[in-house]
Amino acid sequence: MESCVVTGGARGIGRGIAERMVGRGYAVVVTDVDGNGARRTAEEIGAAVGLEQDVRDAAGHRFVATTASDLGRLTAWFNNAGVGDDGRLADLTDEQVQRLVEVNLLGCLWGMRAALDAFGSGRGDIVNTASLSGLGPVPGYSVYAATKAAIVSATMSVSAEVPRRVRVHALCPDGVQTALLDGQDPDGLGSQLVHSGSRILTVDETADAAVALLGSRRVVRSLPGWRGGLVRSSTLAPSVAQHGTRLFAARGRRAIARRSRPRGGG
């Protein structure tokens, strides 16, 4: 049997990925900083085990890798755990900045190291949950976007370092309807830009895209693709992008207002 690891798997995108990997016949290890949530999810979806894990701890990743390898040959690792504190750099607390960097970036790096070591001479896939914000300037998400840009960069570099039998991928979704998005300030610039797209992505389509990367040679995938191209283009002319930011923020404010408007009864 083959095994896999899904960090941040108690709910949201991580749970969706874990469900799909169980459906594919993998022995799935679900981890989350919420240990009870990880164990409950594992039981509900038929995963092999749910573990409490703080991804900031490098040793914890090695323990998770050993646990997964005891269940079967470890061939897939999803670095999905992350936090989404939004806000301008000047407005974030010291603790928020440190947590964003340690959870989002270091957690992903420790996970990749543990996965590569566990793969050994065998094949395997690593899928890192990045973000569309990691592909260009996103004011209002300055530190969050910086951590996701670093994940994209690390993914591309590590992909070029590993043997051909190992594949490393980064998924860069636009805003996804999760508790992370719900917890952000609707009046913040970052949230307004996220809502400026045609729609908010669902957990199901995001999890489908993450699992679809397994076995492929695609290193970086944006979801949806057109938004990825738009964000990347903003890096070519930052001064022009500043004007576009105001337009997209206004569009996002209108979308948020529509979503929060109570619907009339029949």
C-alpha atoms as a PDB file:
ATOM      1  CA  MET A   1       0.000   0.000   0.000  1.00  0.00           C
ATOM      2  CA  GLU A   2       1.091   3.581  -0.643  1.00  0.00           C
ATOM      3  CA  SER A   3       0.776   6.261   2.005  1.00  0.00           C
ATOM      4  CA  CYS A   4       0.531  10.033   1.931  1.00  0.00           C
ATOM      5  CA  VAL A   5       0.596  12.988   4.311  1.00  0.00           C
ATOM      6  CA  VAL A   6      -1.757  15.970   4.302  1.00  0.00           C
ATOM      7  CA  THR A   7      -0.849  18.799   6.685  1.00  0.00           C
ATOM      8  CA  GLY A   8      -3.544  21.200   7.779  1.00  0.00           C
ATOM      9  CA  GLY A   9      -6.009  18.450   6.971  1.00  0.00           C
ATOM     10  CA  ALA A  10      -8.649  18.831   9.660  1.00  0.00           C
ATOM     11  CA  ARG A  11     -10.854  21.035   7.498  1.00  0.00           C
ATOM     12  CA  GLY A  12     -11.047  23.057   4.318  1.00  0.00           C
ATOM     13  CA  ILE A  13      -8.735  22.330   1.397  1.00  0.00           C
ATOM     14  CA  GLY A  14      -6.674  19.864   3.416  1.00  0.00           C
ATOM     15  CA  ARG A  15      -9.683  17.777   4.306  1.00  0.00           C
ATOM     16  CA  GLY A  16     -10.781  17.813   0.672  1.00  0.00           C
ATOM     17  CA  ILE A  17      -7.369  16.562  -0.429  1.00  0.00           C
ATOM     18  CA  ALA A  18      -7.331  13.860   2.249  1.00  0.00           C
ATOM     19  CA  GLU A  19     -10.777  12.628   1.202  1.00  0.00           C
ATOM     20  CA  ARG A  20      -9.650  12.284  -2.393  1.00  0.00           C
ATOM     21  CA  MET A  21      -6.468  10.458  -1.442  1.00  0.00           C
ATOM     22  CA  VAL A  22      -8.456   8.009   0.697  1.00  0.00           C
ATOM     23  CA  GLY A  23     -10.670   7.456  -2.348  1.00  0.00           C
ATOM     24  CA  ARG A  24      -7.565   6.633  -4.376  1.00  0.00           C
ATOM     25  CA  GLY A  25      -6.645   3.890  -1.928  1.00  0.00           C
ATOM     26  CA  TYR A  26      -3.843   5.626  -0.025  1.00  0.00           C
ATOM     27  CA  ALA A  27      -3.199   5.194   3.681  1.00  0.00           C
ATOM     28  CA  VAL A  28      -3.620   8.853   4.571  1.00  0.00           C
ATOM     29  CA  VAL A  29      -2.050  10.613   7.541  1.00  0.00           C
ATOM     30  CA  VAL A  30      -4.026  13.745   8.385  1.00  0.00           C
ATOM     31  CA  THR A  31      -2.187  16.298  10.513  1.00  0.00           C
ATOM     32  CA  ASP A  32      -3.306  19.587  11.998  1.00  0.00           C
ATOM     33  CA  VAL A  33      -2.403  21.906  14.847  1.00  0.00           C
ATOM     34  CA  ASP A  34      -5.926  21.048  16.019  1.00  0.00           C
ATOM     35  CA  GLY A  35      -5.228  17.472  17.058  1.00  0.00           C
ATOM     36  CA  ASN A  36      -8.817  16.665  17.932  1.00  0.00           C
ATOM     37  CA  GLY A  37      -9.934  18.007  14.573  1.00  0.00           C
ATOM     38  CA  ALA A  38      -7.319  15.900  12.764  1.00  0.00           C
ATOM     39  CA  ARG A  39      -8.393  12.741  14.572  1.00  0.00           C
ATOM     40  CA  ARG A  40     -12.086  13.466  13.992  1.00  0.00           C
ATOM     41  CA  THR A  41     -11.548  14.107  10.280  1.00  0.00           C
ATOM     42  CA  ALA A  42      -9.447  10.967   9.916  1.00  0.00           C
ATOM     43  CA  GLU A  43     -12.219   8.893  11.464  1.00  0.00           C
ATOM     44  CA  GLU A  44     -14.960  10.522   9.383  1.00  0.00           C
ATOM     45  CA  ILE A  45     -13.235  10.122   6.003  1.00  0.00           C
ATOM     46  CA  GLY A  46     -11.547   6.772   6.599  1.00  0.00           C
ATOM     47  CA  ALA A  47      -7.975   8.042   6.793  1.00  0.00           C
ATOM     48  CA  ALA A  48      -5.380   5.858   8.517  1.00  0.00           C
ATOM     49  CA  VAL A  49      -4.599   8.236  11.355  1.00  0.00           C
ATOM     50  CA  GLY A  50      -5.003  11.821  12.513  1.00  0.00           C
ATOM     51  CA  LEU A  51      -2.112  13.514  14.297  1.00  0.00           C
ATOM     52  CA  GLU A  52      -1.595  16.785  16.105  1.00  0.00           C
ATOM     53  CA  GLN A  53       1.222  18.693  14.413  1.00  0.00           C
ATOM     54  CA  ASP A  54       2.644  22.185  14.627  1.00  0.00           C
ATOM     55  CA  VAL A  55       4.352  22.553  11.249  1.00  0.00           C
ATOM     56  CA  ARG A  56       6.818  25.054  12.710  1.00  0.00           C
ATOM     57  CA  ASP A  57       8.576  22.119  14.365  1.00  0.00           C
ATOM     58  CA  ALA A  58      11.017  20.374  12.005  1.00  0.00           C
ATOM     59  CA  ALA A  59      11.235  17.278  14.200  1.00  0.00           C
ATOM     60  CA  GLY A  60       7.462  16.909  14.059  1.00  0.00           C
ATOM     61  CA  HIS A  61       7.630  16.500  10.281  1.00  0.00           C
ATOM     62  CA  ARG A  62      10.142  13.680  10.647  1.00  0.00           C
ATOM     63  CA  PHE A  63       7.819  11.931  13.105  1.00  0.00           C
ATOM     64  CA  VAL A  64       4.899  12.303  10.684  1.00  0.00           C
ATOM     65  CA  ALA A  65       7.048  10.894   7.858  1.00  0.00           C
ATOM     66  CA  THR A  66       7.977   7.878   9.952  1.00  0.00           C
ATOM     67  CA  THR A  67       4.332   7.294  10.879  1.00  0.00           C
ATOM     68  CA  ALA A  68       3.285   7.409   7.223  1.00  0.00           C
ATOM     69  CA  SER A  69       6.139   5.133   6.130  1.00  0.00           C
ATOM     70  CA  ASP A  70       5.066   2.550   8.710  1.00  0.00           C
ATOM     71  CA  LEU A  71       1.675   2.403   6.966  1.00  0.00           C
ATOM     72  CA  GLY A  72       3.031   1.907   3.455  1.00  0.00           C
ATOM     73  CA  ARG A  73       5.451   3.346   0.928  1.00  0.00           C
ATOM     74  CA  LEU A  74       5.247   7.136   1.237  1.00  0.00           C
ATOM     75  CA  THR A  75       4.740   8.571  -2.250  1.00  0.00           C
ATOM     76  CA  ALA A  76       2.760  11.793  -1.748  1.00  0.00           C
ATOM     77  CA  TRP A  77       3.092  14.714   0.640  1.00  0.00           C
ATOM     78  CA  PHE A  78       0.785  17.745   0.656  1.00  0.00           C
ATOM     79  CA  ASN A  79       2.153  20.800   2.461  1.00  0.00           C
ATOM     80  CA  ASN A  80      -1.216  22.441   2.940  1.00  0.00           C
ATOM     81  CA  ALA A  81      -1.086  23.925   6.452  1.00  0.00           C
ATOM     82  CA  GLY A  82      -1.049  27.702   6.549  1.00  0.00           C
ATOM     83  CA  VAL A  83      -2.321  30.841   8.228  1.00  0.00           C
ATOM     84  CA  GLY A  84      -3.828  33.848   6.490  1.00  0.00           C
ATOM     85  CA  ASP A  85      -3.385  36.971   8.594  1.00  0.00           C
ATOM     86  CA  ASP A  86      -4.258  39.826   6.271  1.00  0.00           C
ATOM     87  CA  GLY A  87      -3.272  43.456   6.618  1.00  0.00           C
ATOM     88  CA  ARG A  88      -0.686  45.985   5.580  1.00  0.00           C
ATOM     89  CA  LEU A  89       2.863  45.367   6.779  1.00  0.00           C
ATOM     90  CA  ALA A  90       2.773  48.401   9.076  1.00  0.00           C
ATOM     91  CA  ASP A  91      -0.470  47.216  10.695  1.00  0.00           C
ATOM     92  CA  LEU A  92       0.484  43.613  11.487  1.00  0.00           C
ATOM     93  CA  THR A  93       1.804  42.768  14.939  1.00  0.00           C
ATOM     94  CA  ASP A  94       5.261  41.289  15.443  1.00  0.00           C
ATOM     95  CA  GLU A  95       3.594  38.008  16.394  1.00  0.00           C
ATOM     96  CA  GLN A  96       1.515  37.919  13.211  1.00  0.00           C
ATOM     97  CA  VAL A  97       4.538  38.506  10.990  1.00  0.00           C
ATOM     98  CA  GLN A  98       6.526  35.798  12.733  1.00  0.00           C
ATOM     99  CA  ARG A  99       3.640  33.330  12.630  1.00  0.00           C
ATOM    100  CA  LEU A 100       3.058  33.897   8.912  1.00  0.00           C
ATOM    101  CA  VAL A 101       6.695  33.264   8.077  1.00  0.00           C
ATOM    102  CA  GLU A 102       7.118  30.285  10.382  1.00  0.00           C
ATOM    103  CA  VAL A 103       3.867  28.474   9.566  1.00  0.00           C
ATOM    104  CA  ASN A 104       3.574  29.224   5.859  1.00  0.00           C
ATOM    105  CA  LEU A 105       7.197  29.185   4.756  1.00  0.00           C
ATOM    106  CA  LEU A 106       9.204  27.230   7.309  1.00  0.00           C
ATOM    107  CA  GLY A 107       6.393  24.704   7.674  1.00  0.00           C
ATOM    108  CA  CYS A 108       6.524  24.055   3.938  1.00  0.00           C
ATOM    109  CA  LEU A 109      10.337  23.818   3.868  1.00  0.00           C
ATOM    110  CA  TRP A 110      10.429  21.378   6.783  1.00  0.00           C
ATOM    111  CA  GLY A 111       7.719  19.322   5.098  1.00  0.00           C
ATOM    112  CA  MET A 112       9.619  19.138   1.814  1.00  0.00           C
ATOM    113  CA  ARG A 113      12.807  18.074   3.597  1.00  0.00           C
ATOM    114  CA  ALA A 114      10.995  15.347   5.535  1.00  0.00           C
ATOM    115  CA  ALA A 115       9.217  14.109   2.406  1.00  0.00           C
ATOM    116  CA  LEU A 116      12.377  13.986   0.297  1.00  0.00           C
ATOM    117  CA  ASP A 117      14.216  12.077   2.996  1.00  0.00           C
ATOM    118  CA  ALA A 118      11.319   9.626   3.360  1.00  0.00           C
ATOM    119  CA  PHE A 119      11.047   9.071  -0.398  1.00  0.00           C
ATOM    120  CA  GLY A 120      14.644   7.854  -0.380  1.00  0.00           C
ATOM    121  CA  SER A 121      15.484   6.267  -3.701  1.00  0.00           C
ATOM    122  CA  GLY A 122      11.811   5.848  -4.588  1.00  0.00           C
ATOM    123  CA  ARG A 123       9.409   8.057  -6.469  1.00  0.00           C
ATOM    124  CA  GLY A 124       7.157  10.638  -4.928  1.00  0.00           C
ATOM    125  CA  ASP A 125       5.196  13.865  -5.326  1.00  0.00           C
ATOM    126  CA  ILE A 126       5.212  16.939  -3.119  1.00  0.00           C
ATOM    127  CA  VAL A 127       2.344  19.403  -3.559  1.00  0.00           C
ATOM    128  CA  ASN A 128       2.680  22.770  -1.833  1.00  0.00           C
ATOM    129  CA  THR A 129      -0.401  24.924  -1.347  1.00  0.00           C
ATOM    130  CA  ALA A 130       0.765  28.397  -2.308  1.00  0.00           C
ATOM    131  CA  SER A 131      -1.515  31.205  -3.472  1.00  0.00           C
ATOM    132  CA  LEU A 132      -2.252  33.438  -6.400  1.00  0.00           C
ATOM    133  CA  SER A 133      -0.970  36.242  -4.180  1.00  0.00           C
ATOM    134  CA  GLY A 134       2.485  34.674  -4.446  1.00  0.00           C
ATOM    135  CA  LEU A 135       2.684  35.520  -8.150  1.00  0.00           C
ATOM    136  CA  GLY A 136       2.674  39.301  -7.918  1.00  0.00           C
ATOM    137  CA  PRO A 137       2.065  42.361  -5.745  1.00  0.00           C
ATOM    138  CA  VAL A 138      -1.031  42.128  -3.550  1.00  0.00           C
ATOM    139  CA  PRO A 139      -1.283  45.120  -1.207  1.00  0.00           C
ATOM    140  CA  GLY A 140      -3.124  44.268   1.962  1.00  0.00           C
ATOM    141  CA  TYR A 141      -1.541  40.818   1.943  1.00  0.00           C
ATOM    142  CA  SER A 142       2.099  41.926   1.975  1.00  0.00           C
ATOM    143  CA  VAL A 143       3.546  39.371   4.397  1.00  0.00           C
ATOM    144  CA  TYR A 144       1.145  36.561   3.508  1.00  0.00           C
ATOM    145  CA  ALA A 145       1.918  37.091  -0.184  1.00  0.00           C
ATOM    146  CA  ALA A 146       5.646  37.166   0.534  1.00  0.00           C
ATOM    147  CA  THR A 147       5.485  33.757   2.217  1.00  0.00           C
ATOM    148  CA  LYS A 148       3.521  32.310  -0.692  1.00  0.00           C
ATOM    149  CA  ALA A 149       5.940  33.832  -3.228  1.00  0.00           C
ATOM    150  CA  ALA A 150       8.756  32.157  -1.313  1.00  0.00           C
ATOM    151  CA  ILE A 151       6.911  28.831  -1.518  1.00  0.00           C
ATOM    152  CA  VAL A 152       6.570  29.220  -5.290  1.00  0.00           C
ATOM    153  CA  SER A 153      10.261  30.072  -5.578  1.00  0.00           C
ATOM    154  CA  ALA A 154      11.324  27.174  -3.351  1.00  0.00           C
ATOM    155  CA  THR A 155       9.084  24.792  -5.287  1.00  0.00           C
ATOM    156  CA  MET A 156      10.695  25.736  -8.590  1.00  0.00           C
ATOM    157  CA  SER A 157      14.210  25.499  -7.164  1.00  0.00           C
ATOM    158  CA  VAL A 158      13.684  22.189  -5.374  1.00  0.00           C
ATOM    159  CA  SER A 159      11.991  20.774  -8.473  1.00  0.00           C
ATOM    160  CA  ALA A 160      15.252  21.428 -10.332  1.00  0.00           C
ATOM    161  CA  GLU A 161      17.322  19.865  -7.543  1.00  0.00           C
ATOM    162  CA  VAL A 162      15.591  16.510  -7.157  1.00  0.00           C
ATOM    163  CA  PRO A 163      15.947  13.402  -9.332  1.00  0.00           C
ATOM    164  CA  ARG A 164      13.426  12.901 -12.114  1.00  0.00           C
ATOM    165  CA  ARG A 165      11.506  10.262 -10.157  1.00  0.00           C
ATOM    166  CA  VAL A 166      10.495  12.973  -7.648  1.00  0.00           C
ATOM    167  CA  ARG A 167       8.128  15.772  -8.659  1.00  0.00           C
ATOM    168  CA  VAL A 168       7.518  19.001  -6.759  1.00  0.00           C
ATOM    169  CA  HIS A 169       4.488  21.190  -7.433  1.00  0.00           C
ATOM    170  CA  ALA A 170       2.939  24.439  -6.202  1.00  0.00           C
ATOM    171  CA  LEU A 171      -0.773  25.125  -6.508  1.00  0.00           C
ATOM    172  CA  CYS A 172      -1.647  28.829  -6.538  1.00  0.00           C
ATOM    173  CA  PRO A 173      -5.400  29.210  -6.047  1.00  0.00           C
ATOM    174  CA  ASP A 174      -7.306  32.461  -5.939  1.00  0.00           C
ATOM    175  CA  GLY A 175      -9.559  33.011  -2.925  1.00  0.00           C
ATOM    176  CA  VAL A 176     -11.155  29.798  -1.657  1.00  0.00           C
ATOM    177  CA  GLN A 177     -14.295  29.639   0.480  1.00  0.00           C
ATOM    178  CA  THR A 178     -12.721  28.461   3.737  1.00  0.00           C
ATOM    179  CA  ALA A 179     -12.622  29.543   7.381  1.00  0.00           C
ATOM    180  CA  LEU A 180      -9.317  31.282   6.592  1.00  0.00           C
ATOM    181  CA  LEU A 181     -11.032  33.603   4.107  1.00  0.00           C
ATOM    182  CA  ASP A 182     -14.058  34.098   6.363  1.00  0.00           C
ATOM    183  CA  GLY A 183     -11.758  35.231   9.175  1.00  0.00           C
ATOM    184  CA  GLN A 184     -10.262  38.100   7.210  1.00  0.00           C
ATOM    185  CA  ASP A 185     -11.296  41.736   7.422  1.00  0.00           C
ATOM    186  CA  PRO A 186     -13.913  42.383   4.695  1.00  0.00           C
ATOM    187  CA  ASP A 187     -12.952  46.064   4.788  1.00  0.00           C
ATOM    188  CA  GLY A 188      -9.282  45.262   4.212  1.00  0.00           C
ATOM    189  CA  LEU A 189      -7.652  45.877   0.865  1.00  0.00           C
ATOM    190  CA  GLY A 190      -6.444  42.295   0.554  1.00  0.00           C
ATOM    191  CA  SER A 191      -9.918  40.858   1.027  1.00  0.00           C
ATOM    192  CA  GLN A 192     -11.326  43.310  -1.510  1.00  0.00           C
ATOM    193  CA  LEU A 193      -8.768  42.230  -4.111  1.00  0.00           C
ATOM    194  CA  VAL A 194      -9.534  38.556  -3.505  1.00  0.00           C
ATOM    195  CA  HIS A 195     -13.224  39.186  -4.082  1.00  0.00           C
ATOM    196  CA  SER A 196     -12.534  41.116  -7.308  1.00  0.00           C
ATOM    197  CA  GLY A 197     -12.427  37.903  -9.340  1.00  0.00           C
ATOM    198  CA  SER A 198     -15.383  36.418 -11.111  1.00  0.00           C
ATOM    199  CA  ARG A 199     -16.117  34.195  -8.114  1.00  0.00           C
ATOM    200  CA  ILE A 200     -14.628  32.582  -5.011  1.00  0.00           C
ATOM    201  CA  LEU A 201     -13.303  29.062  -5.564  1.00  0.00           C
ATOM    202  CA  THR A 202     -14.787  26.067  -3.783  1.00  0.00           C
ATOM    203  CA  VAL A 203     -12.849  23.643  -1.606  1.00  0.00           C
ATOM    204  CA  ASP A 204     -13.786  20.788  -3.938  1.00  0.00           C
ATOM    205  CA  GLU A 205     -12.352  22.306  -7.117  1.00  0.00           C
ATOM    206  CA  THR A 206      -9.198  23.394  -5.275  1.00  0.00           C
ATOM    207  CA  ALA A 207      -8.655  19.954  -3.766  1.00  0.00           C
ATOM    208  CA  ASP A 208      -9.284  18.387  -7.189  1.00  0.00           C
ATOM    209  CA  ALA A 209      -6.603  20.620  -8.705  1.00  0.00           C
ATOM    210  CA  ALA A 210      -4.101  19.745  -5.974  1.00  0.00           C
ATOM    211  CA  VAL A 211      -4.571  15.997  -6.372  1.00  0.00           C
ATOM    212  CA  ALA A 212      -4.497  16.287 -10.175  1.00  0.00           C
ATOM    213  CA  LEU A 213      -0.891  17.483  -9.944  1.00  0.00           C
ATOM    214  CA  LEU A 214       0.254  14.047  -8.761  1.00  0.00           C
ATOM    215  CA  GLY A 215       2.319  12.332 -11.413  1.00  0.00           C
ATOM    216  CA  SER A 216       2.423  15.409 -13.642  1.00  0.00           C
ATOM    217  CA  ARG A 217       5.428  17.505 -14.672  1.00  0.00           C
ATOM    218  CA  ARG A 218       3.526  20.730 -13.948  1.00  0.00           C
ATOM    219  CA  VAL A 219       5.578  22.660 -11.407  1.00  0.00           C
ATOM    220  CA  VAL A 220       3.395  25.746 -10.823  1.00  0.00           C
ATOM    221  CA  ARG A 221      -0.321  25.888 -11.520  1.00  0.00           C
ATOM    222  CA  SER A 222      -2.561  28.882 -10.896  1.00  0.00           C
ATOM    223  CA  LEU A 223      -6.276  28.467 -10.343  1.00  0.00           C
ATOM    224  CA  PRO A 224      -8.013  29.827 -12.334  1.00  0.00           C
ATOM    225  CA  GLY A 225      -5.356  30.171 -15.000  1.00  0.00           C
ATOM    226  CA  TRP A 226      -6.489  33.570 -16.286  1.00  0.00           C
ATOM    227  CA  ARG A 227      -6.080  35.171 -12.857  1.00  0.00           C
ATOM    228  CA  GLY A 228      -2.544  33.815 -12.649  1.00  0.00           C
ATOM    229  CA  GLY A 229      -1.652  35.497 -15.922  1.00  0.00           C
ATOM    230  CA  LEU A 230      -3.215  38.741 -14.745  1.00  0.00           C
ATOM    231  CA  VAL A 231      -1.294  38.785 -11.464  1.00  0.00           C
ATOM    232  CA  ARG A 232       1.989  37.925 -13.165  1.00  0.00           C
ATOM    233  CA  SER A 233       1.533  40.745 -15.647  1.00  0.00           C
ATOM    234  CA  SER A 234       1.279  43.230 -12.787  1.00  0.00           C
ATOM    235  CA  THR A 235       4.932  42.608 -11.943  1.00  0.00           C
ATOM    236  CA  LEU A 236       5.989  44.003 -15.314  1.00  0.00           C
ATOM    237  CA  ALA A 237       4.697  47.517 -14.671  1.00  0.00           C
ATOM    238  CA  PRO A 238       4.206  48.145 -10.933  1.00  0.00           C
ATOM    239  CA  SER A 239       3.208  51.790 -11.414  1.00  0.00           C
ATOM    240  CA  VAL A 240       0.414  50.798 -13.792  1.00  0.00           C
ATOM    241  CA  ALA A 241      -0.582  47.997 -11.427  1.00  0.00           C
ATOM    242  CA  GLN A 242      -1.193  50.525  -8.645  1.00  0.00           C
ATOM    243  CA  HIS A 243      -3.983  52.087 -10.705  1.00  0.00           C
ATOM    244  CA  GLY A 244      -5.394  48.634 -11.456  1.00  0.00           C
ATOM    245  CA  THR A 245      -5.355  47.808  -7.751  1.00  0.00           C
ATOM    246  CA  ARG A 246      -7.778  50.639  -7.026  1.00  0.00           C
ATOM    247  CA  LEU A 247     -10.134  49.453  -9.746  1.00  0.00           C
ATOM    248  CA  PHE A 248     -10.059  45.837  -8.581  1.00  0.00           C
ATOM    249  CA  ALA A 249     -10.520  46.856  -4.947  1.00  0.00           C
ATOM    250  CA  ALA A 250     -13.662  48.791  -5.886  1.00  0.00           C
ATOM    251  CA  ARG A 251     -14.942  45.758  -7.755  1.00  0.00           C
ATOM    252  CA  GLY A 252     -14.197  43.593  -4.722  1.00  0.00           C
ATOM    253  CA  ARG A 253     -16.078  45.947  -2.392  1.00  0.00           C
ATOM    254  CA  ARG A 254     -19.145  45.641  -4.586  1.00  0.00           C
ATOM    255  CA  ALA A 255     -18.863  41.855  -4.598  1.00  0.00           C
ATOM    256  CA  ILE A 256     -18.539  41.718  -0.803  1.00  0.00           C
ATOM    257  CA  ALA A 257     -21.558  43.972  -0.447  1.00  0.00           C
ATOM    258  CA  ARG A 258     -23.621  41.700  -2.689  1.00  0.00           C
ATOM    259  CA  ARG A 259     -22.567  38.619  -0.711  1.00  0.00           C
ATOM    260  CA  SER A 260     -23.485  40.192   2.612  1.00  0.00           C
ATOM    261  CA  ARG A 261     -26.826  41.566   1.405  1.00  0.00           C
ATOM    262  CA  PRO A 262     -29.728  39.518   2.844  1.00  0.00           C
ATOM    263  CA  ARG A 263     -31.783  37.693   0.278  1.00  0.00           C
ATOM    264  CA  GLY A 264     -35.495  38.401   0.072  1.00  0.00           C
ATOM    265  CA  GLY A 265     -37.983  35.713   1.018  1.00  0.00           C
ATOM    266  CA  GLY A 266     -40.276  34.005  -1.427  1.00  0.00           C
END
